[in-house]
């Protein structure tokens, strides 16, 4: 732990982490904007409502594999946000 202590913010060691519970529509939009910025920085852009690699022209897609309906519920929670980013999402059971 002490080998990386200088590389992380001090509050990591002093404040309890709490997962965000819910979020306002504004927070969701801000997160999507940040994701778009990071994807653009990594060489991806939206073309015709699809996220495409600027060098290869390959569209980004993700396939989630689910073994039960409970897992599928969690996966489907992320699907609309990924699609708003231009990612093609498929879910297989």
PDB file of N, CA and C in Angstrom:
ATOM      1  N   UNK A   1       0.828  -1.184   0.000  1.00  0.00           N
ATOM      2  CA  UNK A   1       0.000   0.000   0.000  1.00  0.00           C
ATOM      3  C   UNK A   1       0.874   1.250   0.000  1.00  0.00           C
ATOM      4  N   UNK A   2       1.918   1.280   0.762  1.00  0.00           N
ATOM      5  CA  UNK A   2       2.748   2.477   0.857  1.00  0.00           C
ATOM      6  C   UNK A   2       3.527   2.753  -0.420  1.00  0.00           C
ATOM      7  N   UNK A   3       3.663   1.768  -1.291  1.00  0.00           N
ATOM      8  CA  UNK A   3       4.408   1.990  -2.529  1.00  0.00           C
ATOM      9  C   UNK A   3       3.678   2.914  -3.481  1.00  0.00           C
ATOM     10  N   UNK A   4       2.367   3.036  -3.371  1.00  0.00           N
ATOM     11  CA  UNK A   4       1.591   3.911  -4.256  1.00  0.00           C
ATOM     12  C   UNK A   4       0.948   5.072  -3.503  1.00  0.00           C
ATOM     13  N   UNK A   5       1.176   5.149  -2.241  1.00  0.00           N
ATOM     14  CA  UNK A   5       0.518   6.160  -1.409  1.00  0.00           C
ATOM     15  C   UNK A   5       0.711   7.579  -1.950  1.00  0.00           C
ATOM     16  N   UNK A   6       1.877   7.902  -2.457  1.00  0.00           N
ATOM     17  CA  UNK A   6       2.159   9.241  -2.962  1.00  0.00           C
ATOM     18  C   UNK A   6       1.463   9.516  -4.294  1.00  0.00           C
ATOM     19  N   UNK A   7       0.979   8.488  -4.959  1.00  0.00           N
ATOM     20  CA  UNK A   7       0.386   8.626  -6.285  1.00  0.00           C
ATOM     21  C   UNK A   7      -1.137   8.755  -6.268  1.00  0.00           C
ATOM     22  N   UNK A   8      -1.750   8.611  -5.116  1.00  0.00           N
ATOM     23  CA  UNK A   8      -3.219   8.692  -5.027  1.00  0.00           C
ATOM     24  C   UNK A   8      -3.611   9.823  -4.081  1.00  0.00           C
ATOM     25  N   UNK A   9      -4.812  10.359  -4.253  1.00  0.00           N
ATOM     26  CA  UNK A   9      -5.253  11.445  -3.376  1.00  0.00           C
ATOM     27  C   UNK A   9      -5.287  11.007  -1.910  1.00  0.00           C
ATOM     28  N   UNK A  10      -4.925  11.892  -0.993  1.00  0.00           N
ATOM     29  CA  UNK A  10      -4.869  11.532   0.431  1.00  0.00           C
ATOM     30  C   UNK A  10      -6.203  11.058   0.996  1.00  0.00           C
ATOM     31  N   UNK A  11      -7.335  11.583   0.463  1.00  0.00           N
ATOM     32  CA  UNK A  11      -8.637  11.192   1.015  1.00  0.00           C
ATOM     33  C   UNK A  11      -8.948   9.707   0.798  1.00  0.00           C
ATOM     34  N   UNK A  12      -8.232   9.066  -0.111  1.00  0.00           N
ATOM     35  CA  UNK A  12      -8.425   7.622  -0.312  1.00  0.00           C
ATOM     36  C   UNK A  12      -8.119   6.869   0.979  1.00  0.00           C
ATOM     37  N   UNK A  13      -7.185   7.391   1.750  1.00  0.00           N
ATOM     38  CA  UNK A  13      -6.767   6.715   2.976  1.00  0.00           C
ATOM     39  C   UNK A  13      -7.503   7.215   4.214  1.00  0.00           C
ATOM     40  N   UNK A  14      -8.250   8.300   4.081  1.00  0.00           N
ATOM     41  CA  UNK A  14      -8.882   8.879   5.272  1.00  0.00           C
ATOM     42  C   UNK A  14     -10.407   8.900   5.219  1.00  0.00           C
ATOM     43  N   UNK A  15     -11.000   8.805   4.027  1.00  0.00           N
ATOM     44  CA  UNK A  15     -12.450   8.879   3.894  1.00  0.00           C
ATOM     45  C   UNK A  15     -13.013   7.555   3.401  1.00  0.00           C
ATOM     46  N   UNK A  16     -14.133   7.182   3.988  1.00  0.00           N
ATOM     47  CA  UNK A  16     -14.813   5.960   3.563  1.00  0.00           C
ATOM     48  C   UNK A  16     -15.426   6.169   2.187  1.00  0.00           C
ATOM     49  N   UNK A  17     -15.232   5.183   1.294  1.00  0.00           N
ATOM     50  CA  UNK A  17     -15.817   5.265  -0.035  1.00  0.00           C
ATOM     51  C   UNK A  17     -17.282   4.852   0.022  1.00  0.00           C
ATOM     52  N   UNK A  18     -18.120   5.599  -0.658  1.00  0.00           N
ATOM     53  CA  UNK A  18     -19.542   5.268  -0.757  1.00  0.00           C
ATOM     54  C   UNK A  18     -19.935   5.296  -2.219  1.00  0.00           C
ATOM     55  N   UNK A  19     -20.544   4.208  -2.665  1.00  0.00           N
ATOM     56  CA  UNK A  19     -21.036   4.169  -4.033  1.00  0.00           C
ATOM     57  C   UNK A  19     -22.129   5.208  -4.214  1.00  0.00           C
ATOM     58  N   UNK A  20     -22.171   5.858  -5.367  1.00  0.00           N
ATOM     59  CA  UNK A  20     -23.266   6.789  -5.613  1.00  0.00           C
ATOM     60  C   UNK A  20     -24.589   6.031  -5.690  1.00  0.00           C
ATOM     61  N   UNK A  21     -25.594   6.570  -5.076  1.00  0.00           N
ATOM     62  CA  UNK A  21     -26.919   5.954  -5.101  1.00  0.00           C
ATOM     63  C   UNK A  21     -27.804   6.817  -5.976  1.00  0.00           C
ATOM     64  N   UNK A  22     -28.221   6.250  -7.084  1.00  0.00           N
ATOM     65  CA  UNK A  22     -29.036   7.031  -8.005  1.00  0.00           C
ATOM     66  C   UNK A  22     -28.244   8.206  -8.531  1.00  0.00           C
ATOM     67  N   UNK A  23     -28.878   8.979  -9.313  1.00  0.00           N
ATOM     68  CA  UNK A  23     -28.206  10.148  -9.836  1.00  0.00           C
ATOM     69  C   UNK A  23     -29.222  11.032 -10.516  1.00  0.00           C
ATOM     70  N   UNK A  24     -28.941  12.286 -10.482  1.00  0.00           N
ATOM     71  CA  UNK A  24     -29.842  13.209 -11.163  1.00  0.00           C
ATOM     72  C   UNK A  24     -29.626  13.100 -12.666  1.00  0.00           C
ATOM     73  N   UNK A  25     -30.581  13.580 -13.412  1.00  0.00           N
ATOM     74  CA  UNK A  25     -30.452  13.580 -14.867  1.00  0.00           C
ATOM     75  C   UNK A  25     -29.218  14.382 -15.278  1.00  0.00           C
ATOM     76  N   UNK A  26     -28.940  15.446 -14.543  1.00  0.00           N
ATOM     77  CA  UNK A  26     -27.763  16.264 -14.844  1.00  0.00           C
ATOM     78  C   UNK A  26     -26.474  15.474 -14.657  1.00  0.00           C
ATOM     79  N   UNK A  27     -26.387  14.675 -13.577  1.00  0.00           N
ATOM     80  CA  UNK A  27     -25.200  13.851 -13.345  1.00  0.00           C
ATOM     81  C   UNK A  27     -25.023  12.808 -14.444  1.00  0.00           C
ATOM     82  N   UNK A  28     -26.120  12.212 -14.870  1.00  0.00           N
ATOM     83  CA  UNK A  28     -26.055  11.219 -15.942  1.00  0.00           C
ATOM     84  C   UNK A  28     -25.523  11.870 -17.215  1.00  0.00           C
ATOM     85  N   UNK A  29     -26.049  13.042 -17.562  1.00  0.00           N
ATOM     86  CA  UNK A  29     -25.572  13.760 -18.758  1.00  0.00           C
ATOM     87  C   UNK A  29     -24.095  14.115 -18.641  1.00  0.00           C
ATOM     88  N   UNK A  30     -23.691  14.570 -17.456  1.00  0.00           N
ATOM     89  CA  UNK A  30     -22.277  14.906 -17.250  1.00  0.00           C
ATOM     90  C   UNK A  30     -21.381  13.679 -17.413  1.00  0.00           C
ATOM     91  N   UNK A  31     -21.827  12.542 -16.898  1.00  0.00           N
ATOM     92  CA  UNK A  31     -21.047  11.308 -17.051  1.00  0.00           C
ATOM     93  C   UNK A  31     -20.947  10.904 -18.518  1.00  0.00           C
ATOM     94  N   UNK A  32     -22.032  11.048 -19.262  1.00  0.00           N
ATOM     95  CA  UNK A  32     -21.997  10.712 -20.684  1.00  0.00           C
ATOM     96  C   UNK A  32     -21.068  11.665 -21.440  1.00  0.00           C
ATOM     97  N   UNK A  33     -21.089  12.932 -21.083  1.00  0.00           N
ATOM     98  CA  UNK A  33     -20.174  13.897 -21.715  1.00  0.00           C
ATOM     99  C   UNK A  33     -18.719  13.523 -21.446  1.00  0.00           C
ATOM    100  N   UNK A  34     -18.435  13.149 -20.211  1.00  0.00           N
ATOM    101  CA  UNK A  34     -17.071  12.760 -19.854  1.00  0.00           C
ATOM    102  C   UNK A  34     -16.667  11.488 -20.586  1.00  0.00           C
ATOM    103  N   UNK A  35     -17.571  10.531 -20.690  1.00  0.00           N
ATOM    104  CA  UNK A  35     -17.278   9.307 -21.432  1.00  0.00           C
ATOM    105  C   UNK A  35     -17.003   9.621 -22.897  1.00  0.00           C
ATOM    106  N   UNK A  36     -17.788  10.507 -23.479  1.00  0.00           N
ATOM    107  CA  UNK A  36     -17.585  10.903 -24.866  1.00  0.00           C
ATOM    108  C   UNK A  36     -16.220  11.566 -25.038  1.00  0.00           C
ATOM    109  N   UNK A  37     -15.866  12.422 -24.098  1.00  0.00           N
ATOM    110  CA  UNK A  37     -14.560  13.094 -24.163  1.00  0.00           C
ATOM    111  C   UNK A  37     -13.427  12.080 -24.105  1.00  0.00           C
ATOM    112  N   UNK A  38     -13.514  11.120 -23.182  1.00  0.00           N
ATOM    113  CA  UNK A  38     -12.475  10.111 -23.042  1.00  0.00           C
ATOM    114  C   UNK A  38     -12.386   9.221 -24.277  1.00  0.00           C
ATOM    115  N   UNK A  39     -13.542   8.866 -24.831  1.00  0.00           N
ATOM    116  CA  UNK A  39     -13.540   8.051 -26.054  1.00  0.00           C
ATOM    117  C   UNK A  39     -12.924   8.817 -27.214  1.00  0.00           C
ATOM    118  N   UNK A  40     -13.255  10.090 -27.332  1.00  0.00           N
ATOM    119  CA  UNK A  40     -12.683  10.924 -28.396  1.00  0.00           C
ATOM    120  C   UNK A  40     -11.164  11.002 -28.235  1.00  0.00           C
ATOM    121  N   UNK A  41     -10.732  11.179 -26.990  1.00  0.00           N
ATOM    122  CA  UNK A  41      -9.300  11.239 -26.694  1.00  0.00           C
ATOM    123  C   UNK A  41      -8.599   9.928 -27.073  1.00  0.00           C
ATOM    124  N   UNK A  42      -9.325   8.823 -26.985  1.00  0.00           N
ATOM    125  CA  UNK A  42      -8.769   7.505 -27.302  1.00  0.00           C
ATOM    126  C   UNK A  42      -8.902   7.153 -28.785  1.00  0.00           C
ATOM    127  N   UNK A  43      -9.439   8.080 -29.587  1.00  0.00           N
ATOM    128  CA  UNK A  43      -9.497   7.835 -31.022  1.00  0.00           C
ATOM    129  C   UNK A  43     -10.831   7.336 -31.543  1.00  0.00           C
ATOM    130  N   UNK A  44     -11.898   7.601 -30.827  1.00  0.00           N
ATOM    131  CA  UNK A  44     -13.237   7.193 -31.255  1.00  0.00           C
ATOM    132  C   UNK A  44     -14.087   8.433 -31.490  1.00  0.00           C
ATOM    133  N   UNK A  45     -14.985   8.356 -32.460  1.00  0.00           N
ATOM    134  CA  UNK A  45     -15.920   9.450 -32.690  1.00  0.00           C
ATOM    135  C   UNK A  45     -17.252   8.888 -33.149  1.00  0.00           C
ATOM    136  N   UNK A  46     -18.294   9.694 -32.985  1.00  0.00           N
ATOM    137  CA  UNK A  46     -19.629   9.257 -33.394  1.00  0.00           C
ATOM    138  C   UNK A  46     -19.859   9.659 -34.836  1.00  0.00           C
ATOM    139  N   UNK A  47     -20.206   8.663 -35.650  1.00  0.00           N
ATOM    140  CA  UNK A  47     -20.558   8.881 -37.054  1.00  0.00           C
ATOM    141  C   UNK A  47     -21.878   8.146 -37.302  1.00  0.00           C
ATOM    142  N   UNK A  48     -22.857   8.869 -37.788  1.00  0.00           N
ATOM    143  CA  UNK A  48     -24.171   8.262 -38.060  1.00  0.00           C
ATOM    144  C   UNK A  48     -24.699   7.506 -36.846  1.00  0.00           C
ATOM    145  N   UNK A  49     -24.568   8.109 -35.681  1.00  0.00           N
ATOM    146  CA  UNK A  49     -25.057   7.573 -34.405  1.00  0.00           C
ATOM    147  C   UNK A  49     -24.351   6.285 -33.976  1.00  0.00           C
ATOM    148  N   UNK A  50     -23.162   6.031 -34.514  1.00  0.00           N
ATOM    149  CA  UNK A  50     -22.374   4.864 -34.117  1.00  0.00           C
ATOM    150  C   UNK A  50     -20.987   5.314 -33.715  1.00  0.00           C
ATOM    151  N   UNK A  51     -20.442   4.698 -32.683  1.00  0.00           N
ATOM    152  CA  UNK A  51     -19.098   5.000 -32.223  1.00  0.00           C
ATOM    153  C   UNK A  51     -18.107   4.254 -33.108  1.00  0.00           C
ATOM    154  N   UNK A  52     -17.226   5.013 -33.763  1.00  0.00           N
ATOM    155  CA  UNK A  52     -16.335   4.442 -34.772  1.00  0.00           C
ATOM    156  C   UNK A  52     -14.896   4.827 -34.450  1.00  0.00           C
ATOM    157  N   UNK A  53     -13.978   3.876 -34.635  1.00  0.00           N
ATOM    158  CA  UNK A  53     -12.564   4.139 -34.464  1.00  0.00           C
ATOM    159  C   UNK A  53     -12.092   5.000 -35.625  1.00  0.00           C
ATOM    160  N   UNK A  54     -11.437   6.116 -35.336  1.00  0.00           N
ATOM    161  CA  UNK A  54     -11.048   7.063 -36.385  1.00  0.00           C
ATOM    162  C   UNK A  54      -9.955   6.514 -37.290  1.00  0.00           C
ATOM    163  N   UNK A  55      -9.174   5.541 -36.832  1.00  0.00           N
ATOM    164  CA  UNK A  55      -8.097   4.976 -37.651  1.00  0.00           C
ATOM    165  C   UNK A  55      -8.561   3.792 -38.482  1.00  0.00           C
ATOM    166  N   UNK A  56      -9.410   2.945 -37.904  1.00  0.00           N
ATOM    167  CA  UNK A  56      -9.792   1.707 -38.597  1.00  0.00           C
ATOM    168  C   UNK A  56     -11.206   1.741 -39.169  1.00  0.00           C
ATOM    169  N   UNK A  57     -11.980   2.755 -38.796  1.00  0.00           N
ATOM    170  CA  UNK A  57     -13.397   2.860 -39.180  1.00  0.00           C
ATOM    171  C   UNK A  57     -14.251   1.709 -38.643  1.00  0.00           C
ATOM    172  N   UNK A  58     -13.738   0.984 -37.677  1.00  0.00           N
ATOM    173  CA  UNK A  58     -14.485  -0.121 -37.074  1.00  0.00           C
ATOM    174  C   UNK A  58     -15.431   0.430 -36.004  1.00  0.00           C
ATOM    175  N   UNK A  59     -16.685  -0.009 -36.050  1.00  0.00           N
ATOM    176  CA  UNK A  59     -17.673   0.415 -35.054  1.00  0.00           C
ATOM    177  C   UNK A  59     -17.454  -0.354 -33.757  1.00  0.00           C
ATOM    178  N   UNK A  60     -17.658   0.331 -32.637  1.00  0.00           N
ATOM    179  CA  UNK A  60     -17.518  -0.330 -31.339  1.00  0.00           C
ATOM    180  C   UNK A  60     -18.792  -1.095 -31.024  1.00  0.00           C
ATOM    181  N   UNK A  61     -18.591  -2.328 -30.611  1.00  0.00           N
ATOM    182  CA  UNK A  61     -19.729  -3.136 -30.182  1.00  0.00           C
ATOM    183  C   UNK A  61     -19.294  -3.964 -28.985  1.00  0.00           C
ATOM    184  N   UNK A  62     -20.267  -4.320 -28.189  1.00  0.00           N
ATOM    185  CA  UNK A  62     -19.998  -5.145 -27.016  1.00  0.00           C
ATOM    186  C   UNK A  62     -21.104  -6.185 -26.915  1.00  0.00           C
ATOM    187  N   UNK A  63     -20.711  -7.387 -26.555  1.00  0.00           N
ATOM    188  CA  UNK A  63     -21.688  -8.453 -26.351  1.00  0.00           C
ATOM    189  C   UNK A  63     -21.536  -8.952 -24.923  1.00  0.00           C
ATOM    190  N   UNK A  64     -22.628  -8.909 -24.183  1.00  0.00           N
ATOM    191  CA  UNK A  64     -22.645  -9.402 -22.812  1.00  0.00           C
ATOM    192  C   UNK A  64     -23.234 -10.795 -22.812  1.00  0.00           C
ATOM    193  N   UNK A  65     -22.603 -11.698 -22.095  1.00  0.00           N
ATOM    194  CA  UNK A  65     -23.110 -13.055 -21.942  1.00  0.00           C
ATOM    195  C   UNK A  65     -23.674 -13.196 -20.534  1.00  0.00           C
ATOM    196  N   UNK A  66     -24.885 -13.700 -20.446  1.00  0.00           N
ATOM    197  CA  UNK A  66     -25.556 -13.822 -19.166  1.00  0.00           C
ATOM    198  C   UNK A  66     -25.997 -15.263 -18.954  1.00  0.00           C
ATOM    199  N   UNK A  67     -25.826 -15.755 -17.751  1.00  0.00           N
ATOM    200  CA  UNK A  67     -26.214 -17.133 -17.463  1.00  0.00           C
ATOM    201  C   UNK A  67     -27.562 -17.229 -16.752  1.00  0.00           C
ATOM    202  N   UNK A  68     -28.101 -16.102 -16.321  1.00  0.00           N
ATOM    203  CA  UNK A  68     -29.388 -16.145 -15.634  1.00  0.00           C
ATOM    204  C   UNK A  68     -30.095 -14.788 -15.750  1.00  0.00           C
ATOM    205  N   UNK A  69     -31.405 -14.762 -15.515  1.00  0.00           N
ATOM    206  CA  UNK A  69     -32.180 -13.521 -15.646  1.00  0.00           C
ATOM    207  C   UNK A  69     -31.755 -12.409 -14.691  1.00  0.00           C
ATOM    208  N   UNK A  70     -31.254 -12.755 -13.513  1.00  0.00           N
ATOM    209  CA  UNK A  70     -30.832 -11.735 -12.558  1.00  0.00           C
ATOM    210  C   UNK A  70     -29.633 -10.967 -13.118  1.00  0.00           C
ATOM    211  N   UNK A  71     -28.679 -11.685 -13.661  1.00  0.00           N
ATOM    212  CA  UNK A  71     -27.511 -11.040 -14.264  1.00  0.00           C
ATOM    213  C   UNK A  71     -27.927 -10.189 -15.451  1.00  0.00           C
ATOM    214  N   UNK A  72     -28.849 -10.692 -16.232  1.00  0.00           N
ATOM    215  CA  UNK A  72     -29.318  -9.952 -17.399  1.00  0.00           C
ATOM    216  C   UNK A  72     -29.921  -8.602 -16.990  1.00  0.00           C
ATOM    217  N   UNK A  73     -30.623  -8.554 -15.878  1.00  0.00           N
ATOM    218  CA  UNK A  73     -31.194  -7.287 -15.392  1.00  0.00           C
ATOM    219  C   UNK A  73     -30.116  -6.241 -15.172  1.00  0.00           C
ATOM    220  N   UNK A  74     -28.989  -6.651 -14.598  1.00  0.00           N
ATOM    221  CA  UNK A  74     -27.892  -5.707 -14.356  1.00  0.00           C
ATOM    222  C   UNK A  74     -27.278  -5.231 -15.665  1.00  0.00           C
ATOM    223  N   UNK A  75     -27.129  -6.146 -16.600  1.00  0.00           N
ATOM    224  CA  UNK A  75     -26.554  -5.792 -17.899  1.00  0.00           C
ATOM    225  C   UNK A  75     -27.463  -4.809 -18.630  1.00  0.00           C
ATOM    226  N   UNK A  76     -28.750  -5.080 -18.614  1.00  0.00           N
ATOM    227  CA  UNK A  76     -29.697  -4.234 -19.349  1.00  0.00           C
ATOM    228  C   UNK A  76     -29.764  -2.820 -18.784  1.00  0.00           C
ATOM    229  N   UNK A  77     -29.352  -2.643 -17.549  1.00  0.00           N
ATOM    230  CA  UNK A  77     -29.301  -1.317 -16.943  1.00  0.00           C
ATOM    231  C   UNK A  77     -28.319  -0.411 -17.694  1.00  0.00           C
ATOM    232  N   UNK A  78     -27.209  -0.973 -18.166  1.00  0.00           N
ATOM    233  CA  UNK A  78     -26.168  -0.197 -18.849  1.00  0.00           C
ATOM    234  C   UNK A  78     -26.426  -0.010 -20.338  1.00  0.00           C
ATOM    235  N   UNK A  79     -27.266  -0.839 -20.912  1.00  0.00           N
ATOM    236  CA  UNK A  79     -27.465  -0.835 -22.360  1.00  0.00           C
ATOM    237  C   UNK A  79     -27.879   0.530 -22.924  1.00  0.00           C
ATOM    238  N   UNK A  80     -28.874   1.225 -22.366  1.00  0.00           N
ATOM    239  CA  UNK A  80     -29.271   2.519 -22.945  1.00  0.00           C
ATOM    240  C   UNK A  80     -28.147   3.558 -22.923  1.00  0.00           C
ATOM    241  N   UNK A  81     -27.361   3.582 -21.862  1.00  0.00           N
ATOM    242  CA  UNK A  81     -26.271   4.551 -21.785  1.00  0.00           C
ATOM    243  C   UNK A  81     -25.197   4.243 -22.820  1.00  0.00           C
ATOM    244  N   UNK A  82     -24.865   2.978 -22.967  1.00  0.00           N
ATOM    245  CA  UNK A  82     -23.876   2.606 -23.979  1.00  0.00           C
ATOM    246  C   UNK A  82     -24.374   2.937 -25.382  1.00  0.00           C
ATOM    247  N   UNK A  83     -25.653   2.696 -25.628  1.00  0.00           N
ATOM    248  CA  UNK A  83     -26.217   3.005 -26.946  1.00  0.00           C
ATOM    249  C   UNK A  83     -26.227   4.512 -27.200  1.00  0.00           C
ATOM    250  N   UNK A  84     -26.446   5.306 -26.157  1.00  0.00           N
ATOM    251  CA  UNK A  84     -26.382   6.769 -26.322  1.00  0.00           C
ATOM    252  C   UNK A  84     -24.977   7.207 -26.702  1.00  0.00           C
ATOM    253  N   UNK A  85     -23.969   6.452 -26.289  1.00  0.00           N
ATOM    254  CA  UNK A  85     -22.589   6.750 -26.663  1.00  0.00           C
ATOM    255  C   UNK A  85     -22.252   6.256 -28.064  1.00  0.00           C
ATOM    256  N   UNK A  86     -23.174   5.499 -28.671  1.00  0.00           N
ATOM    257  CA  UNK A  86     -22.937   4.992 -30.020  1.00  0.00           C
ATOM    258  C   UNK A  86     -22.438   3.571 -30.061  1.00  0.00           C
ATOM    259  N   UNK A  87     -22.413   2.894 -28.928  1.00  0.00           N
ATOM    260  CA  UNK A  87     -21.933   1.514 -28.855  1.00  0.00           C
ATOM    261  C   UNK A  87     -23.090   0.572 -29.190  1.00  0.00           C
ATOM    262  N   UNK A  88     -22.826  -0.386 -30.075  1.00  0.00           N
ATOM    263  CA  UNK A  88     -23.808  -1.412 -30.383  1.00  0.00           C
ATOM    264  C   UNK A  88     -23.743  -2.472 -29.284  1.00  0.00           C
ATOM    265  N   UNK A  89     -24.871  -2.762 -28.645  1.00  0.00           N
ATOM    266  CA  UNK A  89     -24.912  -3.675 -27.502  1.00  0.00           C
ATOM    267  C   UNK A  89     -25.806  -4.860 -27.824  1.00  0.00           C
ATOM    268  N   UNK A  90     -25.281  -6.053 -27.578  1.00  0.00           N
ATOM    269  CA  UNK A  90     -26.099  -7.252 -27.663  1.00  0.00           C
ATOM    270  C   UNK A  90     -25.968  -8.017 -26.350  1.00  0.00           C
ATOM    271  N   UNK A  91     -27.038  -8.708 -25.997  1.00  0.00           N
ATOM    272  CA  UNK A  91     -27.057  -9.505 -24.765  1.00  0.00           C
ATOM    273  C   UNK A  91     -27.491 -10.900 -25.136  1.00  0.00           C
ATOM    274  N   UNK A  92     -26.687 -11.871 -24.727  1.00  0.00           N
ATOM    275  CA  UNK A  92     -27.032 -13.277 -24.993  1.00  0.00           C
ATOM    276  C   UNK A  92     -27.123 -14.029 -23.685  1.00  0.00           C
ATOM    277  N   UNK A  93     -28.132 -14.882 -23.595  1.00  0.00           N
ATOM    278  CA  UNK A  93     -28.297 -15.753 -22.429  1.00  0.00           C
ATOM    279  C   UNK A  93     -27.724 -17.120 -22.729  1.00  0.00           C
TER     280      UNK A  93
END
